Protein backbone atom coordinates (compact mmCIF):
# COMPACT_ATOMS: atom_id res chain seq x y z
CA MET A 1 18.93 -40.88 -19.47
CA ARG A 2 15.95 -38.77 -20.29
CA LYS A 3 13.91 -39.13 -17.16
CA ARG A 4 16.79 -37.82 -15.42
CA LEU A 5 17.24 -34.71 -17.69
CA ILE A 6 13.12 -34.19 -17.47
CA ILE A 7 13.96 -34.46 -13.25
CA PHE A 8 16.90 -32.01 -13.30
CA SER A 9 14.77 -29.69 -15.91
CA LEU A 10 12.29 -29.78 -13.13
CA VAL A 11 14.43 -29.40 -9.87
CA ILE A 12 15.85 -26.39 -11.64
CA TRP A 13 12.41 -24.43 -13.06
CA ILE A 14 11.44 -24.88 -9.26
CA PHE A 15 14.50 -23.11 -7.81
CA TYR A 16 14.06 -20.62 -10.53
CA ILE A 17 10.32 -20.06 -9.33
CA GLY A 18 11.31 -20.06 -5.68
CA HIS A 19 13.88 -17.99 -6.16
CA ALA A 20 12.22 -15.29 -8.36
CA LEU A 21 8.85 -15.67 -5.51
CA ALA A 22 11.55 -15.32 -2.81
CA PHE A 23 12.25 -11.45 -3.88
CA GLU A 24 9.68 -8.77 -3.83
CA PHE A 25 8.87 -5.44 -5.18
CA VAL A 26 6.71 -2.84 -3.29
CA THR A 27 5.29 0.16 -5.45
CA SER A 28 3.17 2.86 -4.44
CA VAL A 29 1.27 3.09 -7.66
CA SER A 30 -0.02 1.10 -10.30
CA PRO A 31 2.07 2.66 -13.14
CA LEU A 32 5.40 2.18 -10.73
CA LYS A 33 4.11 -1.65 -10.70
CA LYS A 34 3.91 -1.69 -14.30
CA LEU A 35 7.46 -0.15 -15.28
CA VAL A 36 8.74 -2.55 -12.91
CA LYS A 37 7.20 -5.50 -14.53
CA GLU A 38 8.35 -4.65 -17.65
CA LEU A 39 11.91 -4.91 -16.77
CA PHE A 40 11.56 -7.80 -13.97
CA PRO A 41 8.68 -10.01 -15.02
CA GLU A 42 9.59 -12.68 -12.82
CA TYR A 43 9.54 -11.27 -9.33
CA SER A 44 6.83 -10.37 -7.25
CA VAL A 45 5.33 -6.48 -7.14
CA LYS A 46 2.62 -5.18 -5.06
CA VAL A 47 1.16 -2.06 -5.36
CA ILE A 48 -0.29 0.02 -2.35
CA LEU A 49 -2.85 2.33 -3.70
CA PRO A 50 -6.15 0.46 -4.43
CA PRO A 51 -7.58 0.88 -7.72
CA GLY A 52 -9.85 3.97 -8.25
CA ARG A 53 -8.55 5.59 -4.61
CA ASP A 54 -7.12 9.35 -4.30
CA PHE A 55 -3.52 9.05 -4.57
CA HIS A 56 -3.10 12.70 -3.29
CA THR A 57 -5.11 11.76 -0.14
CA TYR A 58 -4.72 7.81 0.71
CA GLU A 59 -3.05 6.59 3.29
CA PRO A 60 -1.24 2.81 3.63
CA THR A 61 -3.00 0.73 5.98
CA LEU A 62 -1.17 -1.05 8.96
CA TYR A 63 -1.06 -4.49 6.83
CA GLN A 64 0.32 -2.22 3.82
CA TRP A 65 3.25 -0.38 6.09
CA GLN A 66 4.33 -3.80 7.08
CA GLU A 67 4.54 -4.94 3.61
CA ILE A 68 6.69 -1.30 2.80
CA LYS A 69 8.64 -2.27 5.63
CA LYS A 70 9.88 -5.79 4.59
CA ALA A 71 10.04 -5.41 0.98
CA ASP A 72 13.55 -6.25 -0.89
CA VAL A 73 12.95 -2.86 -2.81
CA VAL A 74 10.28 -0.34 -2.57
CA VAL A 75 9.65 2.34 -5.65
CA ILE A 76 7.90 5.21 -4.88
CA VAL A 77 6.79 8.88 -6.63
CA GLY A 78 7.86 10.81 -3.93
CA THR A 79 4.76 12.94 -3.92
CA GLU A 80 2.90 10.39 -1.88
CA PRO A 81 1.83 12.45 1.50
CA TRP A 82 3.39 9.68 3.14
CA ALA A 83 6.63 9.21 1.13
CA GLU A 84 8.94 10.75 4.15
CA ARG A 85 7.74 8.02 6.40
CA VAL A 86 8.78 5.33 4.26
CA PHE A 87 12.51 6.69 3.98
CA ASN A 88 12.57 6.63 7.94
CA ILE A 89 10.91 2.71 8.19
CA ARG A 90 12.93 1.54 5.50
CA GLU A 91 16.51 2.56 7.37
CA HIS A 92 18.99 0.99 5.36
CA LYS A 93 16.84 -0.92 2.72
CA SER A 94 16.38 0.33 -0.80
CA VAL A 95 13.70 2.77 -1.84
CA PHE A 96 13.84 4.00 -5.31
CA SER A 97 11.88 7.38 -5.51
CA LEU A 98 11.24 9.54 -9.01
CA LEU A 99 11.76 12.47 -7.03
CA GLY A 100 14.94 13.75 -5.90
CA SER A 101 15.77 14.21 -2.71
CA ASN A 102 14.83 17.69 -1.13
CA GLU A 103 13.30 18.91 -4.66
CA VAL A 104 9.84 20.14 -4.61
CA VAL A 105 7.30 19.88 -7.58
CA LYS A 106 4.23 21.21 -8.09
CA ASP A 107 2.75 18.71 -10.25
CA PRO A 108 2.78 15.41 -7.99
CA HIS A 109 2.18 13.46 -11.23
CA LEU A 110 5.82 12.27 -11.98
CA TRP A 111 5.08 8.74 -13.53
CA PHE A 112 4.34 10.93 -16.72
CA ASP A 113 7.99 12.46 -16.74
CA LEU A 114 9.42 10.20 -19.11
CA ASP A 115 12.83 11.28 -18.19
CA ARG A 116 12.34 10.84 -14.88
CA ILE A 117 11.15 7.36 -15.73
CA LYS A 118 14.16 6.85 -17.94
CA LYS A 119 16.43 7.76 -15.30
CA LEU A 120 14.13 5.30 -12.41
CA ALA A 121 14.38 2.36 -14.98
CA ILE A 122 18.69 2.76 -15.28
CA SER A 123 19.17 2.74 -11.75
CA LEU A 124 16.94 -0.11 -10.65
CA VAL A 125 18.44 -2.22 -13.50
CA ASN A 126 21.63 -1.24 -11.92
CA PHE A 127 20.71 -2.78 -8.53
CA MET A 128 19.17 -5.58 -10.20
CA THR A 129 21.81 -6.17 -11.65
CA ASN A 130 24.44 -5.95 -8.52
CA ARG A 131 22.13 -8.37 -6.34
CA PHE A 132 21.88 -11.25 -9.26
CA LYS A 133 24.87 -11.01 -11.83
CA ASP A 134 23.95 -14.05 -13.42
CA LYS A 135 21.08 -11.77 -15.08
CA LYS A 136 23.09 -8.82 -15.93
CA ARG A 137 22.77 -9.44 -20.06
CA GLU A 138 19.17 -10.35 -19.72
CA PHE A 139 18.35 -6.95 -17.48
CA ALA A 140 20.54 -5.18 -19.78
CA GLN A 141 18.51 -6.24 -23.00
CA ARG A 142 14.82 -5.50 -21.21
CA LEU A 143 16.41 -1.95 -20.31
CA LYS A 144 17.43 -1.13 -23.93
CA THR A 145 14.42 -2.07 -25.08
CA PHE A 146 12.51 -0.08 -22.40
CA LEU A 147 14.52 2.89 -23.17
CA LYS A 148 13.78 2.50 -26.66
CA GLU A 149 10.50 2.51 -26.31
CA ILE A 150 9.92 5.14 -24.07
CA ASN A 151 12.31 7.54 -26.29
CA GLU A 152 10.07 6.79 -29.52
CA ILE A 153 7.13 7.25 -27.44
CA LYS A 154 8.21 10.65 -25.93
CA LYS A 155 8.85 11.69 -29.70
CA GLU A 156 5.59 10.85 -30.40
CA TYR A 157 3.88 13.07 -27.86
CA GLN A 158 6.11 15.82 -29.02
CA ASP A 159 4.54 15.51 -32.36
CA LEU A 160 1.51 16.49 -31.06
CA GLY A 161 2.13 20.02 -31.38
CA LYS A 162 1.78 19.50 -35.10
CA CYS A 163 -2.26 18.34 -34.56
CA LYS A 164 -4.63 21.10 -36.06
CA VAL A 165 -5.95 21.68 -32.40
CA LYS A 166 -3.89 22.73 -29.70
CA LYS A 167 -6.61 21.62 -26.92
CA PHE A 168 -8.34 18.88 -25.32
CA PHE A 169 -11.00 18.47 -22.41
CA LEU A 170 -10.45 16.55 -19.51
CA LEU A 171 -13.37 16.18 -16.81
CA GLY A 172 -11.02 15.91 -13.83
CA HIS A 173 -8.16 17.42 -12.83
CA PRO A 174 -4.81 17.92 -14.88
CA VAL A 175 -2.95 15.14 -15.19
CA PHE A 176 -0.83 15.23 -18.02
CA ASP A 177 1.29 18.48 -18.32
CA TYR A 178 4.66 16.63 -18.37
CA LEU A 179 3.99 14.30 -21.48
CA LEU A 180 2.93 17.77 -23.30
CA ARG A 181 5.36 20.08 -22.41
CA GLY A 182 6.87 21.72 -25.42
CA THR A 183 3.99 20.89 -27.78
CA GLY A 184 2.21 23.84 -27.33
CA VAL A 185 -0.98 21.37 -26.53
CA LYS A 186 -3.20 22.06 -23.29
CA GLU A 187 -5.08 19.87 -21.43
CA VAL A 188 -8.14 22.09 -20.36
CA THR A 189 -10.15 20.54 -16.94
CA LEU A 190 -12.84 21.07 -15.23
CA VAL A 191 -10.82 21.11 -11.96
CA LYS A 192 -7.83 23.75 -12.24
CA GLY A 193 -5.66 22.43 -9.37
CA TYR A 194 -3.57 19.06 -9.34
CA HIS A 195 -5.35 17.83 -6.81
CA ARG A 196 -8.79 15.56 -7.27
CA GLU A 197 -10.89 16.75 -4.21
CA GLU A 198 -11.81 20.08 -5.69
CA THR A 199 -15.69 20.12 -6.97
CA PRO A 200 -15.87 21.89 -9.88
CA GLY A 201 -19.14 24.32 -10.35
CA MET A 202 -22.11 24.38 -12.51
CA ARG A 203 -20.45 27.53 -14.40
CA SER A 204 -16.62 25.42 -15.17
CA PHE A 205 -19.45 23.04 -16.82
CA TYR A 206 -20.77 25.79 -19.25
CA HIS A 207 -17.43 27.59 -19.85
CA MET A 208 -16.23 24.26 -20.76
CA LEU A 209 -19.29 23.53 -22.99
CA GLU A 210 -19.08 26.66 -24.62
CA GLU A 211 -15.36 26.44 -25.69
CA ILE A 212 -15.67 22.74 -27.17
CA LYS A 213 -18.88 24.05 -29.08
CA LYS A 214 -16.30 26.93 -30.62
CA LEU A 215 -13.79 24.58 -31.19
CA ARG A 216 -16.13 22.37 -32.46
CA ILE A 217 -14.58 19.28 -30.72
CA ASN A 218 -16.96 16.30 -30.48
CA LEU A 219 -14.95 14.25 -28.20
CA VAL A 220 -13.94 14.81 -24.50
CA PHE A 221 -12.35 12.93 -21.54
CA ILE A 222 -12.59 11.45 -18.33
CA SER A 223 -9.49 9.92 -16.38
CA ASP A 224 -10.71 9.26 -12.63
CA PRO A 225 -14.29 7.46 -11.57
CA GLU A 226 -15.22 10.28 -9.34
CA PHE A 227 -15.90 12.28 -12.76
CA LEU A 228 -18.18 9.56 -13.81
CA ARG A 229 -21.36 11.62 -12.46
CA TYR A 230 -20.56 14.56 -15.50
CA LYS A 231 -20.62 12.21 -18.35
CA ASP A 232 -24.13 12.36 -19.08
CA PHE A 233 -24.24 16.00 -18.80
CA PHE A 234 -21.88 15.82 -21.92
CA GLU A 235 -23.53 12.94 -24.01
CA ASN A 236 -26.96 14.91 -23.46
CA LYS A 237 -24.72 17.68 -25.87
CA GLY A 238 -23.78 15.17 -28.07
CA ILE A 239 -20.23 15.06 -27.14
CA LYS A 240 -18.13 12.02 -26.72
CA VAL A 241 -16.90 10.89 -23.42
CA GLU A 242 -13.81 8.44 -23.40
CA THR A 243 -11.47 7.38 -20.41
CA LEU A 244 -7.67 7.87 -20.23
CA TRP A 245 -4.73 6.31 -18.31
CA SER A 246 -4.18 8.69 -15.28
CA GLY A 247 -1.96 6.10 -13.35
CA ALA A 248 -4.27 6.49 -10.29
CA GLY A 249 -7.76 6.15 -11.46
CA PHE A 250 -9.37 3.93 -13.75
CA PRO A 251 -7.76 0.19 -13.21
CA GLU A 252 -6.05 -0.56 -17.22
CA LYS A 253 -5.21 -3.92 -18.30
CA GLY A 254 -1.70 -3.59 -20.23
CA GLY A 255 2.01 -2.30 -19.65
CA PHE A 256 3.32 1.16 -19.16
CA VAL A 257 4.79 1.65 -22.42
CA LYS A 258 1.01 0.19 -23.84
CA LEU A 259 -1.13 2.53 -22.22
CA LEU A 260 0.90 5.63 -22.61
CA LYS A 261 0.14 4.86 -26.69
CA GLU A 262 -3.21 4.26 -25.97
CA ASN A 263 -3.79 7.57 -24.16
CA LEU A 264 -1.71 9.08 -27.08
CA GLU A 265 -4.18 7.77 -30.07
CA LYS A 266 -7.01 8.93 -28.13
CA ILE A 267 -5.84 12.16 -27.61
CA LYS A 268 -4.66 12.89 -31.48
CA LYS A 269 -8.13 11.65 -32.61
CA ALA A 270 -9.46 14.70 -30.24
CA LEU A 271 -6.76 17.03 -31.59
CA ASN A 272 -7.73 16.01 -35.09
CA CYS A 273 -4.56 14.93 -36.06
CA LYS A 274 -3.64 13.32 -39.31
């Protein structure tokens, strides 16, 4: 009898694993993969943008286009230079996007817009519940937990407005504007535009250095690998340089919420928060 139960359990386990592996997500960037994995850890998730590559200019390979075409679900930011083509090649297959239809935004880093993230999570869970009705309760519980965590972390970011310092300095381009909205806190960057390809001049370095010294700040951040070459310039001035998770820069271990919290703690330290 025990042997039969073991065999039956093994068959169920194999069926479950096969069922999960047969369904596949493709996401455009790592933050969306992390989001999907928090909600549906049992399913396969592939990401298009390789670590360290520029979100603003990267184009998928022919093989990646095939993956996009055949995936069960594709999740994109919507601000990728190739986003429209995804909808065209997917025909009647599911595509989820953080950017709304016919919507135009100035800042393309929508994975840090937590209201959009919540809406996307709800849409994905609704879709998956209709597809896998037997997992409705499980999906609902994960969604509830995720939304609670996002609401809590959003409040914590809003509390940055209570910090003594109202600026932190980033060796790179603006990435965190969505998280800082309404806080009165500003990210001061070497590159002023939202795209990484601009090269800052020495004047930008010395202007930032003067402002850092004036505010008596001893910590600045770097979010993209190509700006590592400027690290020594600041550390030779006695200013510590730490990394922040930008979502499309340095590869980071951990889930979506965990990395948001890690960024928050580092920013609080730079802002001299109590």
